[in-house]
Amino acid sequence: MPQIGPYTLYPIDTGRFGLDGGAMFGIVPKPLWSKRIEPDAQNRIPLSMRCLLLAGTDRRILIDAGIGDTFEGTKYQDIYAVDHGSATLEESLRAHGFGRADITDVILTHLHFDHCGGGTRETPEGPEPTFPNATYHVQKRHWNWATDPNPKESASFVEETLFPIEAANQLHLVEGEGSLFPNVEVILVHGHTEAQQIVKVSDDETTLVYVADLLPTIHHLAPVWTMAFDVRPLQTIEEKRNFLGRAERSEWILFFEHDPRVQIGDLDRTDQGIEVVDRRPLGDL
């Protein structure tokens, strides 16, 4: 597996789910987006829940955690086409030789259920943190936003995935951008939700950015291809332009959380704008 700085990098597949294609592409007409990702009979497009593990000598840092068992056995499991048949968070960690107790840190880009649900798990005594030895890193502004949600996002924040972490004294509220660990820093964007933190892993040779819901798939690079879920779509457009320009100039490699086919890719400026090229598995980094 590839190495950046002191970390070996592992893609952690936590399963698939589906969201309405119209919601995922906002004002873009269905005849355009459906050519790129085919919807099912309920108009849902398939999406990955791909996390990233940074394994160092003394730290094992997991970025995002998938849905987990948040909706298991409820009507929402079918609504969102949650599918753990191919992979689960714990199975994928085990495949690389890690268990729940090995994780020292969890960076949650934001607290929508498909990003943080796997950070807790159901037990006979109620929900508890999935990773008993981990510190969970969340932006303070986003935590306050999620725990007193606005009507547009209230269904995306699930209490059972949030408050057990706080109750277990495993929550670290991060204040702003900057370095979290050696070779790991966070960059804030606010269009999708308040204070989403995307994660940049870099050394003198390579920079990989976990772009989360700033760019959920490779089809979201064009400025107006934004999600209806975004609370500030005009800000998303500006943030994408600024980020992609900086990333292309700096030769950053992007890691896609939700794209059903592409794990990582480089950027190239073309007549059609900035596009993802050299699409490949993380192992080919």
Protein backbone atom coordinates (compact mmCIF):
# COMPACT_ATOMS: atom_id res chain seq x y z
CA MET A 1 0.00 0.00 0.00
CA PRO A 2 1.17 3.59 -0.64
CA GLN A 3 2.97 5.72 1.92
CA ILE A 4 2.72 9.46 2.59
CA GLY A 5 4.98 10.77 5.31
CA PRO A 6 4.83 8.40 8.29
CA TYR A 7 1.54 6.79 7.21
CA THR A 8 0.59 3.77 5.15
CA LEU A 9 -2.72 4.48 3.40
CA TYR A 10 -5.61 2.01 3.13
CA PRO A 11 -9.00 2.49 1.42
CA ILE A 12 -11.73 1.32 3.78
CA ASP A 13 -14.91 0.27 1.97
CA THR A 14 -17.91 0.46 4.29
CA GLY A 15 -20.62 -0.49 1.79
CA ARG A 16 -22.96 1.24 -0.64
CA PHE A 17 -26.10 3.33 -0.44
CA GLY A 18 -28.27 5.32 -2.82
CA LEU A 19 -29.52 8.88 -2.98
CA ASP A 20 -31.96 10.53 -5.35
CA GLY A 21 -30.12 11.50 -8.51
CA GLY A 22 -32.00 14.76 -8.83
CA ALA A 23 -30.97 15.73 -5.31
CA MET A 24 -27.36 14.76 -5.99
CA PHE A 25 -27.15 16.96 -9.09
CA GLY A 26 -29.47 19.85 -8.22
CA ILE A 27 -30.48 21.93 -11.23
CA VAL A 28 -28.72 19.68 -13.76
CA PRO A 29 -31.40 17.94 -15.90
CA LYS A 30 -31.76 14.19 -15.59
CA PRO A 31 -30.97 13.54 -19.30
CA LEU A 32 -27.49 14.92 -18.58
CA TRP A 33 -26.57 13.36 -15.24
CA SER A 34 -28.17 9.98 -15.99
CA LYS A 35 -25.70 9.50 -18.87
CA ARG A 36 -22.93 9.46 -16.27
CA ILE A 37 -24.57 7.54 -13.41
CA GLU A 38 -27.61 5.42 -14.19
CA PRO A 39 -30.40 5.62 -11.58
CA ASP A 40 -32.47 2.71 -10.34
CA ALA A 41 -36.26 2.41 -10.57
CA GLN A 42 -36.62 4.79 -7.60
CA ASN A 43 -34.31 7.38 -9.21
CA ARG A 44 -31.48 6.61 -6.76
CA ILE A 45 -27.88 6.57 -7.91
CA PRO A 46 -25.36 4.14 -6.38
CA LEU A 47 -22.81 5.73 -4.07
CA SER A 48 -19.80 4.39 -2.25
CA MET A 49 -19.04 5.01 1.42
CA ARG A 50 -15.25 4.91 1.09
CA CYS A 51 -13.20 5.89 4.10
CA LEU A 52 -9.44 6.33 4.44
CA LEU A 53 -7.13 4.85 7.07
CA LEU A 54 -3.74 6.42 7.82
CA ALA A 55 -1.65 3.88 9.72
CA GLY A 56 1.50 5.14 11.39
CA THR A 57 3.77 3.84 14.13
CA ASP A 58 1.80 5.35 17.00
CA ARG A 59 -1.40 6.54 15.31
CA ARG A 60 -4.06 4.91 13.21
CA ILE A 61 -6.29 7.67 11.88
CA LEU A 62 -9.63 6.87 10.24
CA ILE A 63 -11.24 9.55 8.07
CA ASP A 64 -15.05 9.25 8.16
CA ALA A 65 -16.90 6.09 9.14
CA GLY A 66 -19.78 5.38 6.75
CA ILE A 67 -23.38 4.77 7.84
CA GLY A 68 -22.74 1.82 10.15
CA ASP A 69 -25.88 0.28 11.65
CA THR A 70 -27.62 3.65 11.98
CA PHE A 71 -30.64 2.58 9.93
CA GLU A 72 -30.43 -1.20 10.28
CA GLY A 73 -33.89 -2.70 10.53
CA THR A 74 -35.70 0.59 9.86
CA LYS A 75 -37.58 1.92 6.86
CA TYR A 76 -34.63 4.18 6.08
CA GLN A 77 -32.46 1.18 5.21
CA ASP A 78 -34.68 0.66 2.16
CA ILE A 79 -35.21 4.37 1.44
CA TYR A 80 -31.46 4.88 1.17
CA ALA A 81 -30.74 1.44 -0.34
CA VAL A 82 -28.13 0.76 2.35
CA ASP A 83 -26.13 -2.29 1.28
CA HIS A 84 -23.48 -3.88 3.49
CA GLY A 85 -23.47 -7.12 1.51
CA SER A 86 -20.16 -6.32 -0.14
CA ALA A 87 -18.38 -4.62 2.77
CA THR A 88 -18.70 -3.27 6.29
CA LEU A 89 -16.44 -0.95 8.23
CA GLU A 90 -15.19 -3.63 10.64
CA GLU A 91 -14.71 -6.23 7.90
CA SER A 92 -12.65 -3.83 5.81
CA LEU A 93 -10.48 -2.87 8.76
CA ARG A 94 -9.94 -6.56 9.56
CA ALA A 95 -8.95 -7.26 5.96
CA HIS A 96 -6.01 -4.90 6.47
CA GLY A 97 -5.13 -6.33 9.88
CA PHE A 98 -6.82 -3.79 12.15
CA GLY A 99 -9.57 -3.98 14.75
CA ARG A 100 -11.80 -1.43 16.43
CA ALA A 101 -9.42 -1.06 19.38
CA ASP A 102 -6.49 -0.20 17.08
CA ILE A 103 -7.97 3.10 15.89
CA THR A 104 -6.51 6.04 17.83
CA ASP A 105 -8.24 8.89 16.00
CA VAL A 106 -11.34 9.44 13.86
CA ILE A 107 -11.57 12.60 11.77
CA LEU A 108 -15.19 13.23 10.85
CA THR A 109 -15.47 15.57 7.88
CA HIS A 110 -19.01 16.41 8.98
CA LEU A 111 -21.85 14.78 10.88
CA HIS A 112 -24.33 13.77 8.18
CA PHE A 113 -25.33 10.17 8.87
CA ASP A 114 -23.53 8.68 5.85
CA HIS A 115 -20.22 10.08 7.10
CA CYS A 116 -20.39 9.54 10.85
CA GLY A 117 -22.92 6.77 11.47
CA GLY A 118 -20.26 4.08 11.71
CA GLY A 119 -18.56 6.03 14.49
CA THR A 120 -21.08 4.55 16.93
CA ARG A 121 -22.62 1.09 17.18
CA GLU A 122 -25.66 -0.42 18.79
CA THR A 123 -25.21 -2.55 21.92
CA PRO A 124 -27.74 -4.06 24.38
CA GLU A 125 -27.01 -1.07 26.62
CA GLY A 126 -27.56 1.42 23.82
CA PRO A 127 -25.31 3.16 21.29
CA GLU A 128 -21.63 3.55 22.12
CA PRO A 129 -18.51 4.71 20.26
CA THR A 130 -17.34 2.06 17.79
CA PHE A 131 -13.69 2.80 18.55
CA PRO A 132 -13.13 2.64 22.31
CA ASN A 133 -9.60 4.04 22.24
CA ALA A 134 -10.13 6.78 19.67
CA THR A 135 -10.47 10.53 19.88
CA TYR A 136 -13.12 11.83 17.48
CA HIS A 137 -12.14 15.12 15.83
CA VAL A 138 -15.03 17.38 14.74
CA GLN A 139 -15.05 21.07 13.95
CA LYS A 140 -16.55 22.99 16.89
CA ARG A 141 -18.61 25.21 14.59
CA HIS A 142 -19.99 22.15 12.85
CA TRP A 143 -20.77 20.35 16.12
CA ASN A 144 -22.80 23.34 17.30
CA TRP A 145 -24.51 23.48 13.90
CA ALA A 146 -25.37 19.75 13.94
CA THR A 147 -26.63 19.61 17.52
CA ASP A 148 -29.03 22.51 16.91
CA PRO A 149 -29.88 21.77 13.28
CA ASN A 150 -31.71 23.88 10.74
CA PRO A 151 -34.86 22.45 9.08
CA LYS A 152 -33.07 21.67 5.81
CA GLU A 153 -30.48 19.41 7.46
CA SER A 154 -32.27 18.09 10.53
CA ALA A 155 -32.95 14.68 8.96
CA SER A 156 -29.25 14.29 8.14
CA PHE A 157 -28.12 14.54 11.77
CA VAL A 158 -28.97 11.50 13.92
CA GLU A 159 -28.60 11.96 17.69
CA GLU A 160 -27.55 8.34 18.28
CA THR A 161 -24.47 8.92 16.12
CA LEU A 162 -23.42 12.10 17.94
CA PHE A 163 -24.06 12.25 21.66
CA PRO A 164 -22.58 8.85 22.67
CA ILE A 165 -19.19 10.17 21.54
CA GLU A 166 -19.56 13.23 23.72
CA ALA A 167 -20.86 11.19 26.67
CA ALA A 168 -17.82 8.90 26.47
CA ASN A 169 -15.45 11.92 26.64
CA GLN A 170 -13.99 10.96 23.26
CA LEU A 171 -14.91 14.17 21.44
CA HIS A 172 -12.31 16.75 20.45
CA LEU A 173 -13.74 19.97 19.05
CA VAL A 174 -11.35 21.44 16.51
CA GLU A 175 -11.32 25.20 16.03
CA GLY A 176 -10.52 26.18 12.47
CA GLU A 177 -8.12 25.09 9.76
CA GLY A 178 -4.59 23.83 10.16
CA SER A 179 -2.53 20.85 11.23
CA LEU A 180 -4.12 18.09 13.29
CA PHE A 181 -1.19 15.68 13.18
CA PRO A 182 2.18 15.56 11.44
CA ASN A 183 1.53 15.57 7.67
CA VAL A 184 -2.25 15.88 8.23
CA GLU A 185 -4.21 19.13 8.06
CA VAL A 186 -7.81 20.16 7.56
CA ILE A 187 -9.29 22.74 5.18
CA LEU A 188 -12.73 24.23 5.87
CA VAL A 189 -15.54 24.67 3.36
CA HIS A 190 -19.04 25.89 4.19
CA GLY A 191 -21.26 25.46 1.12
CA HIS A 192 -22.46 21.91 1.73
CA THR A 193 -22.79 22.40 5.48
CA GLU A 194 -21.23 24.69 8.06
CA ALA A 195 -17.52 23.99 8.67
CA GLN A 196 -17.05 20.77 6.74
CA GLN A 197 -13.39 19.78 7.09
CA ILE A 198 -11.70 18.12 4.14
CA VAL A 199 -8.43 16.37 4.96
CA LYS A 200 -5.05 16.95 3.30
CA VAL A 201 -2.29 14.37 3.76
CA SER A 202 1.09 15.41 2.38
CA ASP A 203 4.86 15.07 2.41
CA ASP A 204 7.61 16.51 0.22
CA GLU A 205 6.56 14.35 -2.74
CA THR A 206 2.83 13.66 -2.61
CA THR A 207 -0.37 15.37 -1.51
CA LEU A 208 -3.67 13.49 -1.26
CA VAL A 209 -6.90 15.28 -0.35
CA TYR A 210 -9.96 13.50 1.01
CA VAL A 211 -12.59 15.76 -0.56
CA ALA A 212 -15.73 14.36 1.16
CA ASP A 213 -18.87 16.24 0.05
CA LEU A 214 -17.13 19.19 -1.53
CA LEU A 215 -16.75 16.84 -4.52
CA PRO A 216 -18.77 13.71 -3.77
CA THR A 217 -18.06 12.14 -7.19
CA ILE A 218 -15.90 12.89 -10.21
CA HIS A 219 -19.06 14.24 -11.89
CA HIS A 220 -19.34 17.15 -9.44
CA LEU A 221 -16.31 19.15 -10.61
CA ALA A 222 -18.26 21.42 -12.99
CA PRO A 223 -19.34 24.54 -11.05
CA VAL A 224 -23.12 24.18 -11.35
CA TRP A 225 -23.14 20.41 -10.79
CA THR A 226 -23.90 20.89 -7.11
CA MET A 227 -26.16 18.98 -4.74
CA ALA A 228 -29.62 20.12 -3.70
CA PHE A 229 -28.49 19.10 -0.20
CA ASP A 230 -26.03 22.03 -0.06
CA VAL A 231 -27.15 24.72 2.36
CA ARG A 232 -25.26 27.42 0.43
CA PRO A 233 -25.03 26.29 -3.22
CA LEU A 234 -23.53 29.54 -4.50
CA GLN A 235 -20.78 29.23 -1.92
CA THR A 236 -20.20 25.62 -2.98
CA ILE A 237 -19.65 26.83 -6.56
CA GLU A 238 -17.06 29.37 -5.43
CA GLU A 239 -15.37 26.92 -3.08
CA LYS A 240 -15.08 24.31 -5.82
CA ARG A 241 -13.56 26.82 -8.23
CA ASN A 242 -11.00 27.99 -5.68
CA PHE A 243 -10.14 24.51 -4.46
CA LEU A 244 -9.84 22.92 -7.90
CA GLY A 245 -7.66 25.74 -9.17
CA ARG A 246 -5.35 25.37 -6.20
CA ALA A 247 -5.35 21.58 -6.40
CA GLU A 248 -4.59 21.50 -10.13
CA ARG A 249 -1.76 24.02 -9.82
CA SER A 250 -0.28 22.15 -6.85
CA GLU A 251 -0.73 18.70 -8.45
CA TRP A 252 -2.80 17.39 -5.59
CA ILE A 253 -4.39 13.95 -5.93
CA LEU A 254 -8.03 13.66 -4.90
CA PHE A 255 -9.59 10.80 -2.92
CA PHE A 256 -13.32 10.37 -3.61
CA GLU A 257 -15.58 9.14 -0.82
CA HIS A 258 -18.82 8.59 -2.74
CA ASP A 259 -17.84 7.90 -6.33
CA PRO A 260 -18.98 4.32 -7.04
CA ARG A 261 -16.02 3.56 -9.34
CA VAL A 262 -13.13 5.98 -8.79
CA GLN A 263 -10.99 5.96 -5.66
CA ILE A 264 -8.36 8.54 -6.59
CA GLY A 265 -7.45 10.74 -9.54
CA ASP A 266 -5.24 13.58 -10.72
CA LEU A 267 -6.51 16.85 -12.16
CA ASP A 268 -5.90 18.37 -15.57
CA ARG A 269 -7.07 21.65 -17.08
CA THR A 270 -8.85 21.06 -20.41
CA ASP A 271 -11.03 23.05 -22.82
CA GLN A 272 -14.00 21.76 -20.79
CA GLY A 273 -12.53 22.93 -17.47
CA ILE A 274 -10.68 20.98 -14.82
CA GLU A 275 -11.26 17.24 -15.10
CA VAL A 276 -10.21 14.09 -13.25
CA VAL A 277 -7.58 12.09 -15.13
CA ASP A 278 -5.55 8.97 -14.36
CA ARG A 279 -8.42 7.51 -12.35
CA ARG A 280 -7.09 4.59 -10.34
CA PRO A 281 -7.20 2.62 -7.10
CA LEU A 282 -5.41 4.05 -4.06
CA GLY A 283 -2.98 1.14 -4.24
CA ASP A 284 -1.62 2.57 -7.51
CA LEU A 285 -0.66 5.90 -5.91
